[in-house]
Each structure stands twice: as C-alpha cells, then as structure tokens.
C-alpha cells in the first residue's frame, strides 16, 4: 500500500517542473517613437518577454524603472532632458537589481568604459538590434555581459582590454558632449538657428534649447558666439569638412 501511494504522487512533480516561468519584464527607453515601436515589436514576438513600460526621455526612464522594477531596462544613450549615462547612474544608485542594456547609434571606448563602471550590463548598437538584442538579453539574464557584439563573462578582463585600447588611441577631448550635442555645436558654428537645427534633426525647438543648455553647462560658455569660438579653438568641429 505504501508503494502504491508513492507511485500515485509522482505525476505531480512533472506538472510543477513544466509550470511556465514568469515573463521577462522590460522597459524600453528611447526618444525616437519609431525605435521604441520596432524594439517593442521584436520583444513582443517573444513569448518570454513582456514590455511593461516605455519612456521618451531620461527623467521618465528613471521614473518608469523605479516604479515598475523591470528585469531589464533598454536605455538609449542619447536621451533628451537627461542623457543615458546620467539616467544609468541615478537608477543604479536606487535600484541596482535592474539589468541595463544601452542602445546607441554610436559610442566611444571611453563611454563604454564609463557605462560598465556605472553598472551597465550590455551595449547594443542600433544597427545591430535585430541580430543582437535577443542574444544580449540572454547573456545579461544569465549573469554575463554583452560588449562589442559578443557575450563577455569576465568584466575585469573586458575593462582592462578597453582601457588599454583607449590609452593606445587617445580620443579627442569632447568635454562630455554627446554625439548629438557635438552635431548641434557644428550647426552653431555654421550659423544655424534653433529652427534650422530642429528641422535638420527632426526634433522640436524645445529639445534644441535643452541640448544648448547642456552644452553651455559642459563647456562653460554663456552665448552662441562664445560657443562657436570655443568649438573652433578646441577643435570640436571639423572646419575642413
């Protein structure tokens, strides 16, 4: 009788083992609606993923992450109001459990180093999202990192290699300006108005003003003329282009 009782209980174990795992909860933060839409569609095609929030600027990215506590935050590096690295810093200080993967069109070696030191788990280039996003998610969820288009298990080794690369090829000093802010600086040197800049980059004039405010703070200038002179003297723009 005892043996028969044990046999009748055994089918319950497979049922518990087959119970579906909860979906991976993800927040998508990018200032471009088309990018957010595309990334969300890719994620929603995976049964294991659930997009629980989205944000169009750095401040909202912080708010959504702290309120929703997702497993993963996909964070655009070049966000308005608050740049991606600053949002990353703020989130890691308050919610270090969330795994953050930066999305970016371009990133310098020094920015990669800074992002990893701040707590980022991966960097995915936007032109490789279709190929790399799924692999990057699997890598960081398993405890590894995603750097340079590949899974990395040893962060210290990766940082050492990146620092050696940065030292071997010193990068032009940019005073902390993002790639988009440098583009705005170039426009200022060329004499463009805020309206011209907004039209060129398909952004609002309010966003242009925020970019300029950030640029003034980082460079220590107070006017457009001072900015243009600063940019030329510090070789922030290529006058031969």
Protein backbone atom coordinates (compact mmCIF):
# COMPACT_ATOMS: atom_id res chain seq x y z
CA UNK A 1 0.00 0.00 0.00
CA UNK A 2 2.82 2.40 0.82
CA UNK A 3 4.50 1.76 -2.53
CA UNK A 4 1.23 2.36 -4.39
CA UNK A 5 0.76 5.68 -2.59
CA UNK A 6 4.20 6.87 -3.64
CA UNK A 7 3.51 5.99 -7.27
CA UNK A 8 0.25 7.94 -7.28
CA UNK A 9 2.04 11.07 -6.05
CA UNK A 10 4.86 11.05 -8.63
CA UNK A 11 2.93 12.66 -11.56
CA UNK A 12 2.67 15.90 -9.57
CA UNK A 13 6.42 16.56 -9.88
CA UNK A 14 6.47 16.83 -13.69
CA UNK A 15 3.48 19.20 -13.51
CA UNK A 16 5.39 21.53 -11.20
CA UNK A 17 8.51 21.30 -13.39
CA UNK A 18 6.55 22.23 -16.52
CA UNK A 19 4.95 25.28 -14.94
CA UNK A 20 5.70 28.31 -17.13
CA UNK A 21 8.29 30.77 -15.86
CA UNK A 22 7.15 34.39 -15.42
CA UNK A 23 7.90 36.61 -18.45
CA UNK A 24 10.96 38.85 -18.55
CA UNK A 25 9.66 42.33 -17.68
CA UNK A 26 11.24 45.04 -19.85
CA UNK A 27 11.09 48.84 -20.05
CA UNK A 28 12.09 50.43 -23.38
CA UNK A 29 13.51 53.97 -23.17
CA UNK A 30 14.29 55.82 -26.41
CA UNK A 31 13.38 59.31 -27.58
CA UNK A 32 12.51 58.13 -31.10
CA UNK A 33 8.97 56.64 -31.32
CA UNK A 34 9.92 54.56 -34.37
CA UNK A 35 12.79 52.92 -32.48
CA UNK A 36 10.58 52.21 -29.46
CA UNK A 37 7.91 50.71 -31.71
CA UNK A 38 10.40 48.50 -33.53
CA UNK A 39 12.07 47.24 -30.36
CA UNK A 40 8.70 46.60 -28.69
CA UNK A 41 7.53 44.57 -31.71
CA UNK A 42 10.68 42.45 -31.58
CA UNK A 43 10.26 41.82 -27.87
CA UNK A 44 6.52 41.13 -28.02
CA UNK A 45 7.10 38.43 -30.64
CA UNK A 46 8.90 36.50 -27.89
CA UNK A 47 6.54 34.72 -25.52
CA UNK A 48 9.11 35.01 -22.73
CA UNK A 49 9.19 38.84 -22.87
CA UNK A 50 6.71 41.44 -21.67
CA UNK A 51 7.16 45.18 -22.31
CA UNK A 52 5.77 46.77 -19.14
CA UNK A 53 6.74 50.39 -19.81
CA UNK A 54 8.35 52.87 -22.18
CA UNK A 55 9.97 56.28 -21.87
CA UNK A 56 10.89 59.07 -24.26
CA UNK A 57 13.45 60.87 -22.09
CA UNK A 58 15.91 60.23 -19.28
CA UNK A 59 13.72 61.51 -16.47
CA UNK A 60 10.79 59.29 -17.42
CA UNK A 61 13.16 56.34 -17.85
CA UNK A 62 14.22 56.74 -14.22
CA UNK A 63 10.61 57.11 -13.04
CA UNK A 64 9.38 54.07 -15.00
CA UNK A 65 12.26 51.89 -13.83
CA UNK A 66 11.91 52.77 -10.15
CA UNK A 67 8.12 52.39 -10.20
CA UNK A 68 7.85 49.23 -12.31
CA UNK A 69 11.05 47.47 -11.20
CA UNK A 70 11.59 45.62 -14.50
CA UNK A 71 14.12 42.84 -15.03
CA UNK A 72 15.67 44.71 -17.97
CA UNK A 73 15.86 48.37 -18.99
CA UNK A 74 16.77 49.06 -22.61
CA UNK A 75 18.14 52.60 -22.37
CA UNK A 76 19.03 54.94 -25.23
CA UNK A 77 22.43 56.55 -24.67
CA UNK A 78 21.40 59.89 -26.21
CA UNK A 79 18.24 60.81 -24.32
CA UNK A 80 16.78 64.33 -24.02
CA UNK A 81 16.39 66.07 -20.65
CA UNK A 82 18.82 63.62 -19.04
CA UNK A 83 21.50 61.72 -21.03
CA UNK A 84 21.54 57.93 -20.85
CA UNK A 85 24.68 57.71 -18.71
CA UNK A 86 23.25 60.12 -16.14
CA UNK A 87 19.98 58.16 -16.05
CA UNK A 88 22.03 54.98 -15.65
CA UNK A 89 23.91 56.50 -12.73
CA UNK A 90 20.68 57.58 -11.00
CA UNK A 91 18.98 54.21 -11.47
CA UNK A 92 21.95 52.18 -10.25
CA UNK A 93 22.08 54.31 -7.08
CA UNK A 94 18.46 53.45 -6.22
CA UNK A 95 17.69 50.15 -7.98
CA UNK A 96 20.90 48.20 -8.62
CA UNK A 97 18.93 44.98 -9.25
CA UNK A 98 17.71 46.05 -12.70
CA UNK A 99 19.93 44.98 -15.59
CA UNK A 100 20.51 47.85 -18.03
CA UNK A 101 21.43 47.44 -21.69
CA UNK A 102 22.34 50.64 -23.52
CA UNK A 103 21.04 51.18 -27.05
CA UNK A 104 23.06 53.57 -29.18
CA UNK A 105 23.90 54.54 -32.74
CA UNK A 106 27.50 55.30 -31.79
CA UNK A 107 29.59 55.11 -28.65
CA UNK A 108 33.22 55.86 -27.81
CA UNK A 109 35.52 53.44 -25.99
CA UNK A 110 35.62 55.82 -23.04
CA UNK A 111 31.81 55.89 -22.87
CA UNK A 112 31.72 52.08 -22.91
CA UNK A 113 34.16 52.00 -20.00
CA UNK A 114 32.15 54.59 -18.07
CA UNK A 115 28.87 52.77 -18.71
CA UNK A 116 30.25 49.45 -17.46
CA UNK A 117 31.79 51.09 -14.41
CA UNK A 118 28.40 52.66 -13.62
CA UNK A 119 26.69 49.28 -13.79
CA UNK A 120 25.51 48.72 -17.37
CA UNK A 121 25.32 45.05 -18.34
CA UNK A 122 25.45 45.50 -22.10
CA UNK A 123 25.77 47.81 -25.09
CA UNK A 124 23.85 47.14 -28.30
CA UNK A 125 24.33 49.22 -31.44
CA UNK A 126 21.03 50.21 -33.04
CA UNK A 127 22.08 48.99 -36.48
CA UNK A 128 22.61 45.53 -34.96
CA UNK A 129 19.47 45.37 -32.78
CA UNK A 130 17.75 42.76 -34.98
CA UNK A 131 20.76 40.42 -34.72
CA UNK A 132 22.00 41.13 -31.20
CA UNK A 133 19.04 42.05 -28.99
CA UNK A 134 17.91 38.50 -28.20
CA UNK A 135 21.46 37.29 -27.55
CA UNK A 136 22.23 40.30 -25.36
CA UNK A 137 19.13 39.67 -23.25
CA UNK A 138 20.08 36.03 -22.75
CA UNK A 139 23.64 37.00 -21.87
CA UNK A 140 22.80 39.56 -19.18
CA UNK A 141 19.96 37.48 -17.70
CA UNK A 142 22.41 34.61 -17.24
CA UNK A 143 24.82 36.90 -15.38
CA UNK A 144 27.20 37.72 -18.24
CA UNK A 145 27.74 40.97 -20.17
CA UNK A 146 27.23 41.96 -23.80
CA UNK A 147 30.09 44.09 -25.13
CA UNK A 148 31.30 44.63 -28.67
CA UNK A 149 28.65 42.37 -30.15
CA UNK A 150 29.55 39.33 -28.06
CA UNK A 151 28.92 37.67 -24.71
CA UNK A 152 31.53 38.51 -22.06
CA UNK A 153 31.84 36.53 -18.83
CA UNK A 154 34.79 38.31 -17.21
CA UNK A 155 34.09 42.02 -16.79
CA UNK A 156 37.51 42.84 -15.32
CA UNK A 157 39.30 41.38 -18.32
CA UNK A 158 37.00 43.25 -20.70
CA UNK A 159 37.55 46.56 -18.86
CA UNK A 160 41.31 46.01 -18.89
CA UNK A 161 41.27 45.46 -22.65
CA UNK A 162 39.07 48.52 -23.22
CA UNK A 163 41.31 50.73 -21.09
CA UNK A 164 44.38 49.53 -22.98
CA UNK A 165 42.63 50.36 -26.25
CA UNK A 166 41.66 53.83 -25.01
CA UNK A 167 45.23 54.51 -23.86
CA UNK A 168 46.72 53.35 -27.17
CA UNK A 169 44.47 55.61 -29.22
CA UNK A 170 43.71 58.78 -27.22
CA UNK A 171 40.29 60.09 -28.15
CA UNK A 172 39.64 63.72 -28.98
CA UNK A 173 38.54 65.64 -25.91
CA UNK A 174 34.83 66.37 -26.19
CA UNK A 175 34.14 67.86 -22.72
CA UNK A 176 31.47 65.24 -22.08
CA UNK A 177 29.38 66.28 -25.09
CA UNK A 178 27.25 63.53 -26.62
CA UNK A 179 27.42 62.83 -30.39
CA UNK A 180 24.13 64.72 -30.89
CA UNK A 181 25.39 67.68 -28.84
CA UNK A 182 28.51 67.79 -31.00
CA UNK A 183 26.28 67.88 -34.08
CA UNK A 184 24.40 70.82 -32.57
CA UNK A 185 27.73 72.57 -31.88
CA UNK A 186 28.67 72.14 -35.54
CA UNK A 187 25.36 73.71 -36.55
CA UNK A 188 26.00 76.67 -34.23
CA UNK A 189 29.43 77.23 -35.80
CA UNK A 190 27.73 77.17 -39.22
CA UNK A 191 25.33 79.90 -38.04
CA UNK A 192 22.16 77.81 -37.88
CA UNK A 193 19.17 78.99 -35.86
CA UNK A 194 17.30 76.77 -33.40
CA UNK A 195 14.61 76.33 -36.03
CA UNK A 196 17.21 75.21 -38.59
CA UNK A 197 18.69 72.69 -36.15
CA UNK A 198 15.27 71.33 -35.20
CA UNK A 199 14.38 70.80 -38.84
CA UNK A 200 17.72 69.17 -39.67
CA UNK A 201 17.46 66.56 -36.90
CA UNK A 202 13.65 66.24 -36.87
CA UNK A 203 13.36 67.35 -33.24
CA UNK A 204 11.47 70.14 -31.52
CA UNK A 205 12.94 73.58 -30.88
CA UNK A 206 12.43 72.91 -27.17
CA UNK A 207 14.72 69.88 -27.49
CA UNK A 208 17.30 72.06 -29.27
CA UNK A 209 17.15 74.52 -26.37
CA UNK A 210 17.74 71.67 -23.89
CA UNK A 211 20.72 70.49 -25.93
CA UNK A 212 22.16 74.02 -25.91
CA UNK A 213 21.62 74.38 -22.18
CA UNK A 214 23.53 71.12 -21.60
CA UNK A 215 26.28 72.23 -23.99
CA UNK A 216 26.67 75.61 -22.26
CA UNK A 217 26.94 73.86 -18.88
CA UNK A 218 29.56 71.39 -20.09
CA UNK A 219 31.72 73.91 -21.94
CA UNK A 220 31.33 76.80 -19.50
CA UNK A 221 30.18 79.33 -22.11
CA UNK A 222 27.11 81.55 -21.99
CA UNK A 223 26.31 82.60 -25.56
CA UNK A 224 26.17 81.10 -29.04
CA UNK A 225 29.11 83.25 -30.14
CA UNK A 226 31.21 82.10 -27.20
CA UNK A 227 30.25 78.51 -28.01
CA UNK A 228 31.30 78.88 -31.64
CA UNK A 229 34.67 80.39 -30.65
CA UNK A 230 35.17 77.68 -28.02
CA UNK A 231 34.35 74.94 -30.52
CA UNK A 232 36.79 76.28 -33.08
CA UNK A 233 39.65 76.87 -30.64
CA UNK A 234 39.22 73.42 -29.03
CA UNK A 235 38.75 71.68 -32.38
CA UNK A 236 35.29 70.33 -31.57
CA UNK A 237 34.31 70.82 -35.22
CA UNK A 238 35.99 69.89 -38.46
CA UNK A 239 36.23 73.11 -40.45
CA UNK A 240 37.63 71.26 -43.46
CA UNK A 241 34.57 69.02 -43.82
